[in-house]
Amino acid sequence: MSVETPPSVPPRRGFFAGLARLRRGPWEAVATVLIGLGVVMLMQPVSATAYAYSFVTILAGTVMFAVVSHFPE
């Protein structure tokens, strides 16, 4: 009785080789920090420029979180 070894998976090449590094955990943390930064920018009373960019920052973090949630574990 012999045991067959599974065929080896060929290495990814080109564009998809870089996508193999995309993992959900670290990128979700980055998106969450971005959302938190936007909320801090929204609530601070010092800079009108930071207040003006707060909504864009929160929106970018939310969109990033939605995209990253589809990455593999």
Protein backbone atom coordinates (compact mmCIF):
# COMPACT_ATOMS: atom_id res chain seq x y z
CA MET A 1 0.00 0.00 0.00
CA SER A 2 1.62 3.25 -1.12
CA VAL A 3 0.73 6.78 -0.16
CA GLU A 4 0.61 9.33 -2.95
CA THR A 5 1.96 12.78 -2.28
CA PRO A 6 -0.24 15.67 -3.35
CA PRO A 7 0.94 17.59 -6.41
CA SER A 8 2.96 20.65 -5.59
CA VAL A 9 1.37 24.03 -6.11
CA PRO A 10 3.30 26.10 -8.64
CA PRO A 11 4.56 29.46 -7.37
CA ARG A 12 2.52 32.48 -8.30
CA ARG A 13 4.05 34.81 -10.81
CA GLY A 14 3.43 38.35 -11.95
CA PHE A 15 0.60 40.42 -10.53
CA PHE A 16 -0.87 37.69 -8.34
CA ALA A 17 2.44 37.08 -6.55
CA GLY A 18 2.06 40.44 -4.81
CA LEU A 19 -1.55 39.72 -3.86
CA ALA A 20 -0.47 36.67 -1.87
CA ARG A 21 0.88 39.03 0.80
CA LEU A 22 -2.47 40.74 1.37
CA ARG A 23 -3.85 39.43 4.64
CA ARG A 24 -6.94 40.69 6.39
CA GLY A 25 -5.63 41.22 9.94
CA PRO A 26 -2.97 43.93 9.49
CA TRP A 27 -4.95 45.84 6.87
CA GLU A 28 -8.10 45.87 9.02
CA ALA A 29 -6.01 47.38 11.80
CA VAL A 30 -4.75 50.10 9.44
CA ALA A 31 -8.30 50.87 8.30
CA THR A 32 -9.52 51.04 11.90
CA VAL A 33 -6.71 53.42 12.85
CA LEU A 34 -7.58 55.58 9.84
CA ILE A 35 -11.23 55.77 10.94
CA GLY A 36 -10.16 56.64 14.49
CA LEU A 37 -7.80 59.33 13.20
CA GLY A 38 -10.66 60.84 11.22
CA VAL A 39 -12.89 60.93 14.30
CA VAL A 40 -10.14 62.64 16.31
CA MET A 41 -9.69 65.15 13.50
CA LEU A 42 -13.44 65.78 13.54
CA MET A 43 -13.58 66.44 17.29
CA GLN A 44 -10.47 68.58 17.79
CA PRO A 45 -11.02 72.35 18.25
CA VAL A 46 -7.62 73.60 17.01
CA SER A 47 -7.26 73.22 13.25
CA ALA A 48 -9.92 74.02 10.68
CA THR A 49 -7.90 72.18 8.04
CA ALA A 50 -7.91 68.96 10.07
CA TYR A 51 -11.66 69.38 10.57
CA ALA A 52 -12.15 69.90 6.83
CA TYR A 53 -10.31 66.66 5.95
CA SER A 54 -11.88 64.59 8.73
CA PHE A 55 -14.85 63.39 6.69
CA VAL A 56 -12.62 62.34 3.79
CA THR A 57 -10.36 60.46 6.22
CA ILE A 58 -13.29 58.63 7.84
CA LEU A 59 -14.71 57.81 4.41
CA ALA A 60 -11.36 56.48 3.16
CA GLY A 61 -11.00 54.30 6.25
CA THR A 62 -14.53 52.95 5.86
CA VAL A 63 -14.08 52.12 2.18
CA MET A 64 -10.70 50.55 2.95
CA PHE A 65 -12.27 48.42 5.69
CA ALA A 66 -15.02 47.25 3.31
CA VAL A 67 -12.45 46.24 0.67
CA VAL A 68 -10.04 44.64 3.14
CA SER A 69 -12.79 42.54 4.70
CA HIS A 70 -12.76 40.49 1.47
CA PHE A 71 -9.06 39.61 1.78
CA PRO A 72 -8.11 36.08 2.85
CA GLU A 73 -7.36 35.37 6.50
